[in-house]
N, C-alpha and C. Protein backbone atom coordinates (compact mmCIF):
# COMPACT_ATOMS: atom_id res chain seq x y z
N MET A 1 -43.34 99.29 -13.98
CA MET A 1 -41.99 98.66 -13.01
C MET A 1 -41.13 99.38 -13.66
N VAL A 2 -39.93 99.86 -12.96
CA VAL A 2 -39.06 101.27 -13.03
C VAL A 2 -37.75 100.24 -13.59
N ALA A 3 -37.14 100.80 -14.77
CA ALA A 3 -36.18 100.15 -14.98
C ALA A 3 -35.04 100.30 -13.93
N ALA A 4 -33.64 99.41 -13.95
CA ALA A 4 -33.03 99.36 -13.42
C ALA A 4 -31.89 100.33 -13.52
N GLU A 5 -31.12 101.23 -12.86
CA GLU A 5 -30.64 102.25 -13.85
C GLU A 5 -29.23 101.92 -14.36
N LYS A 6 -28.95 102.16 -15.54
CA LYS A 6 -27.64 102.03 -15.94
C LYS A 6 -26.22 102.13 -15.08
N ASP A 7 -25.47 101.10 -14.65
CA ASP A 7 -23.99 101.83 -14.07
C ASP A 7 -23.35 102.59 -15.03
N GLN A 8 -22.47 103.74 -14.27
CA GLN A 8 -22.05 104.44 -15.22
C GLN A 8 -20.78 104.28 -15.01
N ILE A 9 -20.10 104.10 -16.51
CA ILE A 9 -18.54 104.12 -17.02
C ILE A 9 -17.78 105.35 -16.63
N SER A 10 -16.32 104.79 -15.66
CA SER A 10 -15.62 105.80 -15.43
C SER A 10 -14.35 106.09 -16.38
N PHE A 11 -14.43 107.55 -16.80
CA PHE A 11 -13.74 107.50 -17.86
C PHE A 11 -12.41 108.31 -17.37
N THR A 12 -12.21 108.32 -16.24
CA THR A 12 -10.81 108.26 -15.35
C THR A 12 -9.26 108.59 -15.36
N VAL A 13 -9.03 106.95 -15.90
CA VAL A 13 -8.14 106.54 -16.26
C VAL A 13 -8.26 107.53 -18.27
N MET A 14 -9.32 107.72 -19.18
CA MET A 14 -9.03 107.81 -20.29
C MET A 14 -8.70 109.70 -20.20
N TYR A 15 -9.34 110.13 -19.19
CA TYR A 15 -8.46 111.46 -18.85
C TYR A 15 -7.66 112.23 -18.42
N ALA A 16 -7.20 110.97 -17.78
CA ALA A 16 -5.55 111.15 -16.85
C ALA A 16 -5.04 111.00 -18.16
N THR A 17 -5.10 110.44 -19.43
CA THR A 17 -4.05 110.22 -20.50
C THR A 17 -4.39 110.94 -20.93
N HIS A 18 -5.36 111.00 -21.60
CA HIS A 18 -5.51 112.38 -22.88
C HIS A 18 -4.65 113.92 -21.96
N ASN A 19 -4.95 113.70 -20.72
CA ASN A 19 -3.62 114.85 -19.98
C ASN A 19 -2.40 114.77 -20.33
N ALA A 20 -2.43 113.49 -20.26
CA ALA A 20 -0.87 113.45 -20.29
C ALA A 20 -0.53 113.77 -21.51
N PHE A 21 -0.93 113.38 -22.52
CA PHE A 21 -0.62 113.40 -23.93
C PHE A 21 -0.42 115.02 -23.84
N ARG A 22 -1.25 115.78 -23.13
CA ARG A 22 -1.06 117.19 -23.65
C ARG A 22 -0.08 117.85 -23.00
N ARG A 23 0.30 117.44 -22.08
CA ARG A 23 1.37 117.86 -20.96
C ARG A 23 2.60 117.51 -21.79
N ASP A 24 3.04 116.18 -22.40
CA ASP A 24 3.87 116.16 -22.61
C ASP A 24 4.63 117.19 -24.53
N LEU A 25 3.58 117.27 -25.19
CA LEU A 25 3.61 118.20 -26.06
C LEU A 25 3.89 119.50 -25.72
N ASP A 26 2.92 120.21 -24.99
CA ASP A 26 3.79 121.26 -23.92
C ASP A 26 5.26 121.60 -23.58
N ARG A 27 5.43 120.61 -22.69
CA ARG A 27 6.87 120.12 -22.02
C ARG A 27 7.85 120.13 -23.64
N PHE A 28 7.69 118.86 -25.20
CA PHE A 28 8.11 119.12 -25.81
C PHE A 28 8.21 120.61 -26.44
N ALA A 29 7.32 121.35 -26.80
CA ALA A 29 7.24 122.78 -27.28
C ALA A 29 7.79 123.79 -26.57
N ALA A 30 8.11 123.48 -25.27
CA ALA A 30 9.14 124.74 -24.40
C ALA A 30 10.37 123.92 -24.47
N ALA A 31 10.59 123.05 -24.92
CA ALA A 31 11.46 122.54 -25.16
C ALA A 31 12.89 122.79 -26.09
N VAL A 32 11.78 123.01 -26.98
CA VAL A 32 12.32 123.65 -28.40
C VAL A 32 12.63 125.02 -28.57
N ASP A 33 11.50 125.87 -27.90
CA ASP A 33 12.14 127.18 -27.46
C ASP A 33 12.63 127.39 -26.35
N ALA A 34 13.23 126.67 -25.66
CA ALA A 34 14.84 126.98 -24.92
C ALA A 34 15.74 126.20 -25.60
N GLY A 35 15.70 126.01 -26.97
CA GLY A 35 16.70 125.23 -27.55
C GLY A 35 17.55 124.14 -27.34
N ARG A 36 16.58 123.25 -26.21
CA ARG A 36 16.98 121.86 -26.09
C ARG A 36 16.98 120.92 -26.96
N ALA A 37 16.15 120.91 -27.84
CA ALA A 37 15.15 120.22 -28.84
C ALA A 37 15.89 119.05 -28.98
N GLY A 38 17.68 119.18 -29.28
CA GLY A 38 18.83 117.94 -29.59
C GLY A 38 18.84 117.32 -28.54
N SER A 39 18.36 117.54 -27.04
CA SER A 39 18.93 116.79 -25.66
C SER A 39 18.93 115.36 -25.56
N PRO A 40 19.40 114.63 -25.16
CA PRO A 40 19.28 113.20 -24.64
C PRO A 40 17.52 112.80 -24.05
N GLU A 41 17.15 114.21 -23.40
CA GLU A 41 16.32 114.05 -22.44
C GLU A 41 14.62 114.01 -22.98
N VAL A 42 15.22 115.10 -23.98
CA VAL A 42 14.04 115.41 -25.16
C VAL A 42 13.49 114.30 -25.81
N ALA A 43 14.41 113.93 -26.50
CA ALA A 43 14.06 112.07 -27.62
C ALA A 43 13.84 111.39 -27.14
N ALA A 44 14.08 110.69 -25.44
CA ALA A 44 13.95 110.09 -24.83
C ALA A 44 12.35 110.51 -24.19
N GLY A 45 11.89 111.99 -24.32
CA GLY A 45 10.45 111.95 -23.60
C GLY A 45 9.78 111.54 -25.17
N TRP A 46 10.34 111.88 -26.40
CA TRP A 46 9.39 111.94 -27.46
C TRP A 46 9.18 110.38 -28.02
N ASP A 47 10.23 109.96 -27.27
CA ASP A 47 10.09 108.48 -27.67
C ASP A 47 9.05 107.84 -26.98
N ASN A 48 8.56 108.02 -25.60
CA ASN A 48 8.18 107.63 -25.02
C ASN A 48 6.47 107.95 -25.10
N PHE A 49 6.34 109.30 -25.31
CA PHE A 49 5.28 109.77 -25.93
C PHE A 49 4.35 109.34 -27.25
N LYS A 50 5.21 108.69 -28.08
CA LYS A 50 4.98 108.12 -29.41
C LYS A 50 4.65 106.73 -28.93
N HIS A 51 5.45 105.54 -28.26
CA HIS A 51 5.09 104.99 -28.12
C HIS A 51 3.40 104.69 -27.30
N GLN A 52 3.21 105.43 -26.27
CA GLN A 52 2.22 105.82 -25.34
C GLN A 52 0.51 106.55 -26.35
N LEU A 53 0.74 106.75 -27.17
CA LEU A 53 -0.13 107.52 -28.12
C LEU A 53 0.37 106.35 -29.01
N HIS A 54 0.56 105.21 -29.66
CA HIS A 54 0.78 104.03 -30.15
C HIS A 54 -0.18 103.11 -29.53
N VAL A 55 0.00 102.95 -29.01
CA VAL A 55 -0.75 101.75 -27.86
C VAL A 55 -1.94 102.47 -27.20
N HIS A 56 -2.29 103.01 -27.01
CA HIS A 56 -3.47 103.59 -26.94
C HIS A 56 -4.31 104.49 -28.05
N HIS A 57 -4.10 104.27 -28.99
CA HIS A 57 -4.79 104.36 -30.05
C HIS A 57 -5.14 103.39 -30.71
N THR A 58 -4.08 102.57 -30.91
CA THR A 58 -3.66 100.94 -31.71
C THR A 58 -5.05 100.25 -30.76
N VAL A 59 -5.19 100.07 -29.33
CA VAL A 59 -6.31 99.54 -28.55
C VAL A 59 -7.67 100.02 -28.48
N GLU A 60 -7.39 101.23 -28.90
CA GLU A 60 -8.80 101.71 -29.14
C GLU A 60 -10.02 101.87 -30.33
N ASP A 61 -8.68 101.33 -31.36
CA ASP A 61 -9.38 100.88 -32.94
C ASP A 61 -9.32 99.51 -32.75
N ALA A 62 -9.02 98.55 -32.11
CA ALA A 62 -9.34 97.20 -31.66
C ALA A 62 -10.56 97.06 -30.97
N GLU A 63 -10.31 97.51 -29.75
CA GLU A 63 -11.51 97.19 -28.96
C GLU A 63 -12.35 97.53 -28.26
N LEU A 64 -11.88 99.54 -28.89
CA LEU A 64 -13.18 100.00 -28.21
C LEU A 64 -13.92 100.55 -28.95
N TRP A 65 -13.54 101.11 -30.59
CA TRP A 65 -14.85 101.62 -31.15
C TRP A 65 -15.55 100.46 -32.29
N PRO A 66 -14.95 99.12 -32.34
CA PRO A 66 -16.07 98.20 -32.70
C PRO A 66 -17.07 97.88 -31.75
N ARG A 67 -16.94 97.99 -30.57
CA ARG A 67 -17.70 97.64 -29.59
C ARG A 67 -19.03 98.80 -29.77
N VAL A 68 -18.58 99.93 -30.27
CA VAL A 68 -19.45 101.05 -30.50
C VAL A 68 -20.31 100.79 -31.89
N GLU A 69 -19.72 100.46 -32.78
CA GLU A 69 -19.81 100.52 -33.66
C GLU A 69 -21.09 99.48 -33.99
N ALA A 70 -21.10 98.41 -33.43
CA ALA A 70 -22.06 97.68 -32.97
C ALA A 70 -22.98 97.45 -32.44
N ALA A 71 -23.12 98.52 -31.38
CA ALA A 71 -23.95 99.25 -30.97
C ALA A 71 -24.83 99.91 -31.29
N VAL A 72 -24.40 100.48 -32.40
CA VAL A 72 -24.96 101.90 -33.34
C VAL A 72 -25.35 101.70 -34.47
N ALA A 73 -25.29 100.08 -34.74
CA ALA A 73 -25.33 100.20 -36.34
C ALA A 73 -26.28 100.63 -37.23
N GLU A 74 -27.75 100.88 -36.31
CA GLU A 74 -28.35 101.19 -37.26
C GLU A 74 -28.87 103.10 -36.57
N ARG A 75 -27.69 103.29 -36.41
CA ARG A 75 -27.44 104.92 -36.43
C ARG A 75 -26.87 105.47 -36.96
N PRO A 76 -27.14 106.30 -38.40
CA PRO A 76 -26.19 106.56 -39.00
C PRO A 76 -25.37 107.77 -38.31
N ALA A 77 -26.06 108.60 -38.00
CA ALA A 77 -24.92 109.72 -37.01
C ALA A 77 -24.02 109.46 -35.99
N ASP A 78 -23.77 108.35 -35.39
CA ASP A 78 -23.56 108.10 -34.75
C ASP A 78 -22.26 106.92 -35.65
N LEU A 79 -22.23 106.48 -36.48
CA LEU A 79 -21.42 105.63 -37.04
C LEU A 79 -20.75 106.95 -37.96
N GLU A 80 -21.42 107.60 -37.97
CA GLU A 80 -20.21 108.94 -38.70
C GLU A 80 -19.31 109.34 -37.69
N LEU A 81 -19.54 110.04 -36.49
CA LEU A 81 -18.93 109.93 -35.40
C LEU A 81 -17.38 108.89 -35.33
N MET A 82 -17.86 107.58 -35.47
CA MET A 82 -16.88 106.35 -34.78
C MET A 82 -16.08 106.62 -36.79
N ALA A 83 -16.27 106.97 -37.82
CA ALA A 83 -15.80 107.11 -38.69
C ALA A 83 -14.70 108.32 -38.88
N GLU A 84 -15.26 109.52 -38.15
CA GLU A 84 -14.35 110.53 -37.97
C GLU A 84 -13.56 110.71 -36.45
N MET A 85 -13.59 109.49 -35.76
CA MET A 85 -12.46 108.93 -34.71
C MET A 85 -11.39 108.31 -35.62
N GLU A 86 -12.12 107.27 -36.91
CA GLU A 86 -11.04 106.75 -37.17
C GLU A 86 -10.32 107.82 -37.87
N ALA A 87 -10.38 108.94 -38.94
CA ALA A 87 -9.95 109.30 -39.76
C ALA A 87 -9.11 110.34 -38.91
N GLU A 88 -9.90 111.20 -38.07
CA GLU A 88 -8.64 111.65 -36.68
C GLU A 88 -7.47 111.08 -36.79
N HIS A 89 -7.32 109.68 -36.27
CA HIS A 89 -6.61 108.89 -35.83
C HIS A 89 -5.47 108.86 -37.31
N ALA A 90 -5.79 109.00 -38.21
CA ALA A 90 -4.85 108.62 -39.49
C ALA A 90 -3.92 109.91 -39.38
N VAL A 91 -4.20 110.78 -39.40
CA VAL A 91 -3.87 112.39 -39.26
C VAL A 91 -2.62 112.26 -38.82
N LEU A 92 -2.59 111.85 -37.40
CA LEU A 92 -1.43 111.49 -36.59
C LEU A 92 -0.07 111.18 -36.53
N ASN A 93 -0.48 110.25 -37.53
CA ASN A 93 1.11 109.23 -37.88
C ASN A 93 2.05 110.40 -38.38
N PRO A 94 1.25 111.06 -39.70
CA PRO A 94 2.34 111.57 -40.73
C PRO A 94 2.46 112.38 -39.96
N LEU A 95 1.97 113.36 -38.99
CA LEU A 95 2.54 114.65 -38.41
C LEU A 95 3.30 114.73 -37.62
N MET A 96 3.53 113.16 -37.07
CA MET A 96 4.40 112.61 -36.05
C MET A 96 6.15 112.44 -36.89
N GLU A 97 5.72 111.65 -38.25
CA GLU A 97 7.10 111.48 -38.94
C GLU A 97 7.60 112.98 -39.44
N GLN A 98 6.85 114.05 -39.44
CA GLN A 98 7.50 115.40 -40.25
C GLN A 98 7.82 115.83 -38.42
N VAL A 99 7.43 115.39 -37.63
CA VAL A 99 8.17 116.16 -36.22
C VAL A 99 9.40 115.15 -36.38
N ASP A 100 9.27 114.03 -36.99
CA ASP A 100 10.63 113.09 -36.39
C ASP A 100 11.72 113.83 -36.90
N SER A 101 11.17 113.78 -38.31
CA SER A 101 12.13 114.38 -39.39
C SER A 101 12.73 115.56 -39.36
N ALA A 102 11.75 116.71 -39.09
CA ALA A 102 12.79 117.97 -38.23
C ALA A 102 13.38 117.24 -37.04
N LEU A 103 12.88 116.99 -36.05
CA LEU A 103 14.04 116.28 -35.04
C LEU A 103 15.42 115.88 -34.92
N ALA A 104 15.31 114.90 -36.11
CA ALA A 104 16.54 114.02 -36.41
C ALA A 104 17.54 115.36 -37.19
N THR A 105 16.93 116.44 -37.93
CA THR A 105 17.83 117.01 -38.26
C THR A 105 17.48 118.39 -37.52
N GLN A 106 17.53 119.21 -36.90
CA GLN A 106 17.11 120.09 -35.74
C GLN A 106 16.51 121.37 -36.93
N ALA A 107 15.99 120.71 -37.89
CA ALA A 107 15.10 121.88 -39.12
C ALA A 107 14.75 123.44 -37.79
N PRO A 108 14.43 124.05 -38.91
CA PRO A 108 14.09 125.54 -38.18
C PRO A 108 12.53 125.28 -37.87
N ASP A 109 11.84 124.27 -38.69
CA ASP A 109 9.99 124.66 -38.73
C ASP A 109 9.84 123.59 -37.32
N LEU A 110 10.70 123.30 -36.57
CA LEU A 110 10.61 122.00 -35.32
C LEU A 110 9.01 122.84 -34.62
N ALA A 111 9.62 123.82 -34.72
CA ALA A 111 8.47 124.32 -33.57
C ALA A 111 7.07 124.05 -34.20
N ASP A 112 7.06 124.58 -35.59
CA ASP A 112 5.15 124.70 -36.55
C ASP A 112 5.19 123.05 -36.20
N ARG A 113 5.64 122.30 -36.47
CA ARG A 113 5.81 120.82 -36.73
C ARG A 113 5.22 120.66 -35.88
N VAL A 114 5.69 120.41 -34.45
CA VAL A 114 4.91 120.28 -32.96
C VAL A 114 4.14 120.89 -32.76
N GLY A 115 3.68 122.56 -33.20
CA GLY A 115 2.46 123.10 -32.83
C GLY A 115 1.20 122.57 -33.52
N LYS A 116 1.30 122.09 -35.06
CA LYS A 116 0.69 121.05 -35.58
C LYS A 116 0.05 120.09 -35.05
N LEU A 117 0.78 119.18 -34.78
CA LEU A 117 0.61 118.17 -34.03
C LEU A 117 0.01 118.03 -32.62
N SER A 118 0.08 119.56 -31.79
CA SER A 118 -0.42 119.55 -30.76
C SER A 118 -2.11 119.88 -31.22
N THR A 119 -2.11 121.01 -31.53
CA THR A 119 -3.33 121.16 -32.39
C THR A 119 -4.20 120.14 -33.03
N ALA A 120 -3.66 119.14 -33.82
CA ALA A 120 -4.68 118.18 -34.06
C ALA A 120 -4.67 116.63 -33.04
N LEU A 121 -4.03 116.85 -32.05
CA LEU A 121 -4.52 115.91 -31.30
C LEU A 121 -5.25 116.27 -30.31
N GLY A 122 -5.03 117.28 -29.61
CA GLY A 122 -5.99 118.20 -28.91
C GLY A 122 -7.39 118.05 -28.98
N ASP A 123 -7.37 118.65 -30.70
CA ASP A 123 -8.70 118.56 -31.35
C ASP A 123 -9.54 117.23 -31.60
N HIS A 124 -8.52 116.43 -31.31
CA HIS A 124 -9.05 115.26 -32.02
C HIS A 124 -9.50 114.63 -30.24
N MET A 125 -8.68 114.97 -29.52
CA MET A 125 -9.11 114.52 -28.15
C MET A 125 -10.47 115.46 -27.62
N ALA A 126 -10.59 116.41 -27.73
CA ALA A 126 -11.40 117.17 -27.14
C ALA A 126 -13.04 116.64 -27.96
N HIS A 127 -12.73 116.21 -29.48
CA HIS A 127 -14.45 115.54 -29.60
C HIS A 127 -14.87 114.51 -28.91
N GLU A 128 -13.45 114.03 -29.11
CA GLU A 128 -14.00 112.45 -28.24
C GLU A 128 -14.09 112.20 -26.83
N GLU A 129 -14.31 113.50 -26.38
CA GLU A 129 -14.38 113.51 -24.39
C GLU A 129 -16.16 114.06 -25.18
N LYS A 130 -16.46 115.32 -25.73
CA LYS A 130 -17.39 115.95 -26.17
C LYS A 130 -18.57 115.13 -26.60
N SER A 131 -17.90 114.22 -26.89
CA SER A 131 -19.08 113.26 -28.32
C SER A 131 -18.71 111.75 -27.80
N ALA A 132 -17.45 111.06 -28.10
CA ALA A 132 -17.72 110.23 -27.75
C ALA A 132 -17.15 109.95 -26.92
N LEU A 133 -17.09 110.03 -25.53
CA LEU A 133 -17.14 109.34 -24.40
C LEU A 133 -18.78 109.46 -23.81
N PRO A 134 -19.46 110.57 -24.04
CA PRO A 134 -21.37 110.24 -23.53
C PRO A 134 -21.73 109.77 -24.97
N LEU A 135 -21.59 109.49 -26.03
CA LEU A 135 -22.02 107.71 -26.50
C LEU A 135 -21.35 106.71 -25.78
N ILE A 136 -20.03 106.65 -26.04
CA ILE A 136 -19.97 105.62 -24.98
C ILE A 136 -20.59 104.52 -23.50
N GLN A 137 -20.55 106.30 -22.82
CA GLN A 137 -21.45 105.90 -21.42
C GLN A 137 -22.84 105.17 -21.89
N GLU A 138 -23.31 106.57 -23.27
CA GLU A 138 -25.23 105.49 -23.42
C GLU A 138 -25.39 103.79 -24.19
N VAL A 139 -24.12 103.74 -24.71
CA VAL A 139 -24.02 102.42 -25.52
C VAL A 139 -23.78 101.27 -25.04
N LEU A 140 -22.34 101.61 -24.07
CA LEU A 140 -21.65 100.24 -23.85
C LEU A 140 -21.99 99.90 -22.74
N THR A 141 -21.46 99.24 -21.88
CA THR A 141 -21.79 98.55 -20.66
C THR A 141 -20.36 98.69 -19.53
N VAL A 142 -20.38 98.55 -18.86
CA VAL A 142 -19.20 98.77 -17.51
C VAL A 142 -18.14 97.46 -18.22
N LYS A 143 -19.22 96.22 -18.58
CA LYS A 143 -18.25 95.12 -18.47
C LYS A 143 -17.46 95.44 -20.15
N ASP A 144 -18.03 95.81 -20.88
CA ASP A 144 -17.41 96.54 -22.24
C ASP A 144 -16.20 96.97 -22.12
N TRP A 145 -16.56 98.37 -21.06
CA TRP A 145 -15.54 98.69 -20.85
C TRP A 145 -14.16 98.42 -20.37
N ALA A 146 -14.28 97.35 -19.01
CA ALA A 146 -13.72 96.72 -18.89
C ALA A 146 -12.75 95.88 -19.50
N ALA A 147 -13.13 94.95 -20.75
CA ALA A 147 -12.94 94.56 -22.01
C ALA A 147 -11.77 95.46 -22.55
N PHE A 148 -12.54 96.55 -22.64
CA PHE A 148 -11.39 97.83 -23.48
C PHE A 148 -10.06 97.83 -22.73
N ARG A 149 -10.41 98.07 -21.41
CA ARG A 149 -9.39 98.86 -20.02
C ARG A 149 -8.20 97.29 -20.00
N THR A 150 -8.84 95.93 -20.34
CA THR A 150 -8.07 94.85 -20.31
C THR A 150 -7.15 94.75 -21.64
N GLY A 151 -7.88 95.17 -22.71
CA GLY A 151 -7.08 95.25 -23.99
C GLY A 151 -5.98 95.98 -23.95
N MET A 152 -6.02 96.93 -23.04
CA MET A 152 -5.11 97.97 -23.19
C MET A 152 -3.87 97.91 -22.08
N ALA A 153 -4.28 96.84 -20.81
CA ALA A 153 -3.47 96.44 -20.07
C ALA A 153 -2.29 95.64 -20.76
N ARG A 154 -2.89 94.43 -21.52
CA ARG A 154 -2.42 93.30 -22.23
C ARG A 154 -1.67 94.34 -23.44
N ALA A 155 -1.26 94.94 -23.94
CA ALA A 155 -0.75 95.93 -25.04
C ALA A 155 -0.12 96.61 -24.39
N GLN A 156 -0.19 97.36 -23.06
CA GLN A 156 1.07 97.18 -22.42
C GLN A 156 1.96 96.88 -21.84
N GLY A 157 1.19 95.48 -21.34
CA GLY A 157 2.33 94.39 -20.72
C GLY A 157 2.74 95.00 -19.69
N PRO A 158 3.19 93.80 -17.99
CA PRO A 158 4.28 94.69 -17.53
C PRO A 158 5.70 95.90 -17.55
N ARG A 159 6.33 95.48 -18.51
CA ARG A 159 7.07 96.14 -18.89
C ARG A 159 6.43 97.92 -18.93
N GLY A 160 5.42 97.77 -19.85
CA GLY A 160 4.86 99.08 -20.35
C GLY A 160 4.21 100.07 -19.63
N ALA A 161 3.27 99.10 -18.52
CA ALA A 161 2.81 99.22 -17.33
C ALA A 161 3.87 100.19 -16.10
N ALA A 162 5.43 99.42 -15.87
CA ALA A 162 5.86 100.52 -15.58
C ALA A 162 6.46 101.75 -15.26
N THR A 163 6.32 101.77 -16.82
CA THR A 163 6.55 103.55 -17.31
C THR A 163 4.99 104.19 -17.59
N TYR A 164 3.92 103.57 -17.83
CA TYR A 164 2.65 104.13 -18.40
C TYR A 164 2.15 104.14 -16.38
N ILE A 165 2.30 103.86 -15.55
CA ILE A 165 1.94 104.23 -14.59
C ILE A 165 2.16 105.56 -13.81
N PRO A 166 3.53 106.35 -13.52
CA PRO A 166 4.18 107.13 -13.12
C PRO A 166 4.14 108.36 -14.45
N TRP A 167 4.61 108.02 -15.39
CA TRP A 167 4.25 108.68 -16.89
C TRP A 167 2.98 109.24 -16.35
N ILE A 168 1.60 108.53 -16.65
CA ILE A 168 0.53 109.47 -16.18
C ILE A 168 0.64 110.37 -14.83
N MET A 169 1.47 109.90 -13.97
CA MET A 169 1.34 110.79 -12.78
C MET A 169 2.67 112.08 -12.31
N ASP A 170 2.94 111.91 -13.68
CA ASP A 170 4.23 112.44 -13.71
C ASP A 170 3.53 114.41 -13.69
N GLY A 171 3.56 115.04 -12.72
CA GLY A 171 2.76 116.75 -12.43
C GLY A 171 1.66 116.37 -12.28
N VAL A 172 0.77 115.44 -11.92
CA VAL A 172 -0.42 115.77 -11.41
C VAL A 172 -0.97 116.13 -10.06
N GLY A 173 -1.46 116.70 -9.34
CA GLY A 173 -1.84 116.87 -7.95
C GLY A 173 -2.19 115.51 -7.20
N ASP A 174 -2.40 115.66 -6.17
CA ASP A 174 -2.64 114.80 -5.27
C ASP A 174 -4.02 114.19 -5.22
N GLU A 175 -4.85 115.20 -5.44
CA GLU A 175 -6.53 114.43 -6.56
C GLU A 175 -6.49 113.61 -7.19
N GLY A 176 -5.77 114.49 -8.09
CA GLY A 176 -5.77 113.41 -9.71
C GLY A 176 -5.01 112.35 -9.61
N ARG A 177 -3.52 112.09 -8.83
CA ARG A 177 -2.94 111.13 -8.53
C ARG A 177 -3.85 110.55 -7.42
N ARG A 178 -5.01 110.92 -6.57
CA ARG A 178 -5.78 109.32 -6.15
C ARG A 178 -7.03 109.12 -6.82
N ALA A 179 -7.46 109.77 -7.70
CA ALA A 179 -8.48 109.75 -8.80
C ALA A 179 -7.76 108.29 -9.53
N PHE A 180 -6.81 108.77 -10.04
CA PHE A 180 -6.31 107.57 -11.15
C PHE A 180 -5.75 106.60 -10.53
N LEU A 181 -5.64 106.14 -8.76
CA LEU A 181 -4.78 105.43 -8.51
C LEU A 181 -6.11 104.51 -7.52
N ALA A 182 -7.08 104.93 -7.64
CA ALA A 182 -7.92 104.48 -7.23
C ALA A 182 -8.86 103.33 -8.48
N GLU A 183 -8.48 104.09 -9.50
CA GLU A 183 -8.65 102.88 -10.72
C GLU A 183 -8.09 101.60 -11.34
N MET A 184 -6.73 101.71 -10.19
CA MET A 184 -6.24 100.76 -10.20
C MET A 184 -5.93 99.41 -9.45
N PRO A 185 -5.24 97.77 -9.48
CA PRO A 185 -5.74 97.57 -8.39
C PRO A 185 -5.08 97.73 -7.26
N PRO A 186 -5.27 97.51 -6.59
CA PRO A 186 -4.60 98.19 -4.88
C PRO A 186 -3.24 97.90 -4.65
N PRO A 187 -2.77 96.69 -5.36
CA PRO A 187 -1.02 97.23 -5.14
C PRO A 187 -0.32 98.33 -5.82
N VAL A 188 -0.93 98.45 -7.03
CA VAL A 188 -0.32 99.59 -7.67
C VAL A 188 0.18 100.50 -6.94
N LYS A 189 -0.70 101.33 -5.90
CA LYS A 189 -0.21 102.41 -5.56
C LYS A 189 1.04 102.11 -4.34
N VAL A 190 1.52 100.98 -3.97
CA VAL A 190 2.80 100.79 -3.29
C VAL A 190 3.42 100.58 -4.34
N ILE A 191 3.66 99.92 -5.39
CA ILE A 191 4.29 100.02 -6.32
C ILE A 191 5.03 100.74 -6.88
N ASN A 192 4.03 101.61 -6.95
CA ASN A 192 4.64 102.56 -8.11
C ASN A 192 5.39 103.43 -6.75
N ARG A 193 4.63 103.63 -6.03
CA ARG A 193 5.97 104.42 -4.84
C ARG A 193 7.02 103.96 -4.13
N VAL A 194 6.91 102.83 -4.39
CA VAL A 194 8.47 102.22 -4.16
C VAL A 194 9.72 102.22 -5.14
N PHE A 195 8.78 101.91 -5.90
CA PHE A 195 9.66 101.35 -7.23
C PHE A 195 9.70 101.99 -8.32
N LEU A 196 7.88 102.42 -8.78
CA LEU A 196 7.84 102.85 -10.77
C LEU A 196 8.61 104.53 -10.54
N GLN A 197 8.27 104.95 -9.76
CA GLN A 197 8.02 106.21 -9.81
C GLN A 197 9.78 106.76 -9.77
N SER A 198 10.78 106.51 -8.72
CA SER A 198 12.04 106.89 -8.70
C SER A 198 12.79 106.31 -9.60
N ARG A 199 12.16 105.44 -10.81
CA ARG A 199 12.78 104.64 -11.72
C ARG A 199 12.38 105.70 -12.77
N TYR A 200 10.85 105.81 -12.95
CA TYR A 200 10.77 106.71 -13.61
C TYR A 200 11.39 108.43 -13.83
N GLN A 201 11.77 108.82 -12.75
CA GLN A 201 12.23 110.28 -12.81
C GLN A 201 13.97 110.33 -12.81
N LYS A 202 14.19 109.50 -12.46
CA LYS A 202 15.76 109.00 -13.59
C LYS A 202 15.75 109.48 -14.72
N ARG A 203 14.65 108.88 -16.02
CA ARG A 203 14.63 109.41 -17.11
C ARG A 203 14.55 110.83 -17.59
N HIS A 204 14.54 111.62 -16.56
CA HIS A 204 14.20 112.81 -16.78
C HIS A 204 13.35 113.34 -17.98
N TYR A 205 12.48 112.66 -18.45
CA TYR A 205 11.93 112.89 -19.62
C TYR A 205 11.46 114.57 -20.11
N TRP A 206 11.72 114.88 -21.18
CA TRP A 206 12.07 116.24 -21.77
C TRP A 206 12.67 117.39 -21.23
N GLY A 207 13.56 117.19 -20.03
CA GLY A 207 14.80 118.09 -19.27
C GLY A 207 13.81 118.53 -18.62
N SER A 208 15.03 120.03 -17.84
CA SER A 208 14.45 120.96 -16.98
C SER A 208 14.29 121.80 -17.65
């Protein structure tokens, strides 16, 4: 008897979120290079970046990695990967605090600190995409992934989602927008177009 094929988890939203973090740090670096690091728009962009990263990693730590760890309890190499994910998360807060300090004083090494954060976060996300996501695809179910997504939605709440959704799609091409919105409840597409997008754009995160 042929075993039923396992349903595939869609990582569209995960990749979109990672790309939004990469985009924001690129914009931050560009703002620093242009001498705009002290502007209110950069401060607002940075505050939103920190919030989004905090929510993302907090929910991963609470809702995602424990499910993976339970599924690979007898697999030492995979448990080591989970430990690496946790360790990489722990590195990021001190780096953001260093950026906070440099931004508050407009320290001359702000660009270096943003660069270190960008490298650390970029390396972590690449590691997650290369190693952790395939493991998740192997050992978790679509139902497990839906529980993680539910935890993320709960942590964001309606007000958080009102920023998260247009933030994800900021600067994204038509294909990426369609793919992301296809993962959302149907009303989100209309709500974003009518209300959320314009409200988000008025904040001018990172400036021009």
